[in-house]
Protein backbone atom coordinates (compact mmCIF):
# COMPACT_ATOMS: atom_id res chain seq x y z
CA MET A 1 -22.42 13.24 24.24
CA THR A 2 -20.71 10.84 21.83
CA THR A 3 -18.73 12.35 18.98
CA THR A 4 -17.46 10.59 15.89
CA HIS A 5 -13.75 10.78 15.29
CA PRO A 6 -12.85 12.03 11.78
CA ALA A 7 -10.91 8.82 11.10
CA LEU A 8 -14.07 6.78 11.63
CA THR A 9 -15.98 9.02 9.25
CA LEU A 10 -13.30 8.50 6.61
CA ILE A 11 -13.61 4.72 6.93
CA GLU A 12 -17.38 4.88 6.67
CA GLN A 13 -17.35 7.21 3.66
CA ARG A 14 -14.47 5.78 1.63
CA ILE A 15 -15.43 4.46 -1.79
CA SER A 16 -13.62 2.53 -4.49
CA ALA A 17 -13.60 5.13 -7.26
CA ASN A 18 -13.86 3.96 -10.85
CA ARG A 19 -14.11 7.42 -12.38
CA PHE A 20 -11.37 10.03 -12.04
CA ASP A 21 -10.88 13.55 -13.33
CA ALA A 22 -8.24 12.98 -16.01
CA THR A 23 -7.22 16.66 -15.92
CA HIS A 24 -6.21 16.50 -12.26
CA THR A 25 -2.53 16.10 -11.38
CA LEU A 26 -0.56 15.70 -8.16
CA ALA A 27 2.72 17.48 -7.46
CA ASP A 28 5.78 15.54 -6.34
CA ALA A 29 5.37 16.87 -2.81
CA GLU A 30 1.79 15.60 -2.66
CA ILE A 31 2.82 12.14 -3.86
CA GLU A 32 5.67 12.08 -1.35
CA ARG A 33 3.28 13.02 1.43
CA LEU A 34 0.95 10.16 0.52
CA VAL A 35 3.78 7.64 0.60
CA ARG A 36 5.23 9.09 3.79
CA LEU A 37 1.84 8.48 5.42
CA ALA A 38 1.45 5.03 3.86
CA ALA A 39 4.83 4.06 5.28
CA ARG A 40 3.42 4.60 8.78
CA ALA A 41 1.61 1.28 8.40
CA PRO A 42 2.84 -1.57 10.61
CA THR A 43 5.24 -4.27 9.46
CA ALA A 44 6.53 -7.33 11.28
CA TYR A 45 9.75 -6.57 13.19
CA ASN A 46 9.68 -3.08 11.59
CA LEU A 47 10.89 -4.63 8.33
CA GLN A 48 9.27 -1.85 6.27
CA ASN A 49 9.51 -4.28 3.37
CA TRP A 50 7.59 -2.41 0.70
CA ARG A 51 8.16 -0.20 -2.29
CA PHE A 52 5.78 2.31 -3.87
CA ILE A 53 6.16 3.12 -7.57
CA ALA A 54 4.23 6.26 -8.49
CA VAL A 55 3.16 5.89 -12.13
CA ARG A 56 2.09 9.33 -13.31
CA THR A 57 3.33 10.17 -16.80
CA PRO A 58 1.03 9.38 -19.76
CA ALA A 59 3.60 7.03 -21.27
CA ALA A 60 4.13 5.10 -18.04
CA LYS A 61 0.38 4.91 -17.42
CA ALA A 62 -0.13 3.50 -20.91
CA ARG A 63 2.44 0.79 -20.22
CA LEU A 64 0.79 -0.07 -16.93
CA ARG A 65 -2.72 -0.04 -18.40
CA ALA A 66 -1.60 -2.55 -21.03
CA VAL A 67 -0.78 -5.09 -18.31
CA ALA A 68 -3.72 -4.14 -16.07
CA GLN A 69 -6.64 -5.45 -18.14
CA ASP A 70 -6.91 -2.13 -20.00
CA GLN A 71 -8.59 -0.46 -17.01
CA ALA A 72 -9.20 3.19 -17.87
CA LYS A 73 -8.78 4.42 -14.31
CA VAL A 74 -5.09 3.49 -14.44
CA ALA A 75 -4.63 6.27 -16.99
CA GLU A 76 -7.30 8.68 -15.75
CA ALA A 77 -6.23 8.90 -12.08
CA ALA A 78 -3.58 11.46 -11.22
CA VAL A 79 -1.27 8.65 -10.15
CA CYS A 80 -1.40 4.88 -10.03
CA PHE A 81 0.83 3.36 -7.38
CA ILE A 82 2.35 -0.06 -7.85
CA VAL A 83 2.52 -1.30 -4.29
CA CYS A 84 5.19 -3.95 -3.94
CA GLY A 85 6.04 -6.15 -1.04
CA VAL A 86 9.75 -6.88 -0.67
CA LEU A 87 10.90 -10.32 0.39
CA ALA A 88 11.85 -10.18 4.05
CA ASP A 89 15.55 -9.51 4.58
CA PRO A 90 16.48 -10.00 8.25
CA GLN A 91 19.94 -8.55 7.56
CA ALA A 92 18.33 -5.17 6.88
CA LEU A 93 16.77 -5.08 10.35
CA ALA A 94 19.91 -3.93 12.10
CA GLY A 95 19.93 -0.62 10.26
CA ARG A 96 16.18 -0.10 10.52
CA LEU A 97 16.13 -0.69 14.27
CA GLN A 98 19.36 1.16 15.10
CA PRO A 99 17.77 4.64 15.43
CA PHE A 100 15.21 3.13 17.82
CA VAL A 101 18.01 1.54 19.87
CA GLU A 102 20.02 4.79 19.91
CA ALA A 103 16.95 6.68 21.12
CA GLY A 104 16.80 4.38 24.13
CA HIS A 105 13.53 2.68 23.26
CA MET A 106 14.93 -0.80 22.67
CA PRO A 107 17.93 -2.62 24.15
CA ALA A 108 20.55 -3.59 21.58
CA GLU A 109 20.28 -7.26 22.56
CA MET A 110 16.53 -7.19 21.86
CA ALA A 111 17.15 -5.81 18.36
CA GLN A 112 19.61 -8.65 17.77
CA GLY A 113 17.00 -11.11 19.03
CA TRP A 114 14.45 -9.74 16.59
CA GLN A 115 16.90 -10.18 13.74
CA GLN A 116 17.46 -13.81 14.69
CA ALA A 117 13.73 -14.44 15.08
CA ALA A 118 13.05 -12.94 11.65
CA ARG A 119 15.77 -15.09 10.12
CA LEU A 120 14.05 -18.20 11.46
CA GLN A 121 10.52 -17.06 10.63
CA TYR A 122 11.27 -16.25 6.99
CA ALA A 123 13.62 -19.13 6.27
CA THR A 124 11.44 -20.47 3.46
CA PRO A 125 10.58 -18.64 0.22
CA GLN A 126 6.85 -19.00 0.94
CA ALA A 127 7.13 -17.45 4.40
CA ALA A 128 9.14 -14.54 3.02
CA ARG A 129 6.62 -13.99 0.22
CA ASP A 130 3.65 -14.18 2.58
CA GLU A 131 5.17 -11.44 4.73
CA ALA A 132 5.84 -9.30 1.66
CA VAL A 133 2.18 -9.55 0.68
CA ARG A 134 1.00 -8.72 4.20
CA SER A 135 3.23 -5.65 4.40
CA ALA A 136 2.21 -4.36 0.97
CA ALA A 137 -1.48 -4.84 1.77
CA LEU A 138 -1.16 -2.87 5.00
CA GLY A 139 0.72 -0.13 3.17
CA ALA A 140 -1.87 0.01 0.39
CA MET A 141 -4.79 0.37 2.81
CA THR A 142 -2.98 3.09 4.74
CA LEU A 143 -2.26 4.84 1.43
CA MET A 144 -5.97 4.81 0.57
CA HIS A 145 -6.94 6.19 3.98
CA ALA A 146 -4.30 8.91 3.59
CA ALA A 147 -5.74 9.81 0.20
CA GLN A 148 -9.24 9.99 1.64
CA ALA A 149 -8.05 12.23 4.48
CA LEU A 150 -6.48 14.59 1.94
CA GLY A 151 -9.70 14.88 -0.03
CA LEU A 152 -8.71 12.45 -2.78
CA ALA A 153 -10.40 9.35 -4.15
CA SER A 154 -8.73 5.98 -4.55
CA CYS A 155 -9.25 2.43 -5.69
CA ALA A 156 -7.36 -0.80 -5.10
CA LEU A 157 -6.81 -2.94 -8.21
CA THR A 158 -5.80 -6.58 -8.27
CA GLY A 159 -6.63 -7.13 -11.93
CA PHE A 160 -3.17 -7.03 -13.46
CA ASP A 161 -0.48 -9.29 -14.86
CA ALA A 162 2.14 -9.41 -12.11
CA ASP A 163 4.85 -10.70 -14.43
CA GLY A 164 3.98 -8.00 -16.95
CA VAL A 165 4.20 -5.30 -14.29
CA ALA A 166 7.54 -6.64 -13.08
CA ARG A 167 8.87 -6.67 -16.64
CA GLU A 168 7.55 -3.27 -17.71
CA PHE A 169 8.81 -1.49 -14.60
CA GLN A 170 11.98 -3.52 -14.09
CA LEU A 171 11.12 -4.58 -10.58
CA ALA A 172 13.90 -6.05 -8.49
CA ARG A 173 13.80 -9.83 -8.07
CA ASP A 174 12.87 -9.43 -4.41
CA GLY A 175 9.84 -7.26 -5.27
CA VAL A 176 6.34 -8.73 -5.35
CA PRO A 177 3.74 -6.52 -7.09
CA VAL A 178 0.76 -6.97 -4.75
CA MET A 179 -1.67 -4.21 -5.62
CA LEU A 180 -2.26 -1.18 -7.79
CA VAL A 181 -3.78 1.86 -6.08
CA THR A 182 -5.20 4.67 -8.19
CA VAL A 183 -5.37 8.10 -6.53
CA GLY A 184 -6.80 11.34 -7.81
CA ARG A 185 -9.82 13.61 -7.89
CA ALA A 186 -13.10 11.76 -8.25
CA ALA A 187 -15.20 12.48 -11.35
CA PRO A 188 -19.01 12.42 -11.34
CA GLY A 189 -20.70 9.05 -11.62
CA ASN A 190 -18.96 7.04 -8.90
CA TRP A 191 -21.05 4.68 -6.82
CA PRO A 192 -21.40 5.18 -3.06
CA GLN A 193 -19.84 2.59 -0.78
CA LYS A 194 -21.39 -0.78 -1.58
CA PRO A 195 -23.40 -2.64 1.10
CA ARG A 196 -21.49 -4.61 3.70
CA ARG A 197 -22.50 -8.01 5.04
CA PRO A 198 -24.21 -8.16 8.44
CA LEU A 199 -21.85 -8.47 11.40
CA ALA A 200 -23.41 -11.80 12.31
CA GLN A 201 -21.94 -13.23 9.09
CA VAL A 202 -18.41 -11.95 9.60
CA LEU A 203 -17.87 -11.70 13.38
CA GLU A 204 -17.32 -14.60 15.73
CA PHE A 205 -16.52 -14.37 19.44
CA ALA A 206 -14.31 -17.03 21.03
C-alpha cells in the first residue's frame, strides 16, 4: 500500500496567502526556529550566503510596506522576512567548512580546493550576484515549507523597490534583497492553490 509522505502533502497543499490574521504574533523563538530551518537549504560550496531580516514591529512593517507597493499583507502578517542573498565571499569558506573538516567528513586539502574553485567561479560581479540570488531563493522556499509544516501560512513577494528596502533597512553593500516572505496565521478568504500547467508543458526528457 502506497502512503503519502507528509512533506509531499505540504507541497501539494501550500498556498500563497494574501490574507493574514493581523492579531496573530510570533515569539522570537518561533521566528528563530523558522530561520534555523530555512538555513538548512543548500548553497554552493556551503557558502550559506544569505541573511534573513525579520520585520515584525508595526513601525518597521510600515516602512517596508511603503517600499513594497503598499501591499497590506506586509503589515498584516505576523512577520515579513526580507530574504537577502549575500555576494559570494570565498574567503569566508574556510571558517564555514572547518567544523566539517574537524569532524572528519572532508579532507583539509579538499576544503582548500573548494575555496579556490569558488574564487574562480565568482570572479565577476555578475557571477557573485547570480549566486546570491540562487541562495536566497532556495532559503526563501525552504522558509515557506517550514512555515507550512508549523501550521502557518506564507507568501513570497517580489513587488518591492530593492533600493528602497536597502535604504530603509540599512542593508550591507554585499546584500541583495531578493524576496519578501510574509508568514503568519491565515485569515478567511484566501484562495486555494491555483492550477498548475500540465506536465507535458513543463517537463522534457533528454
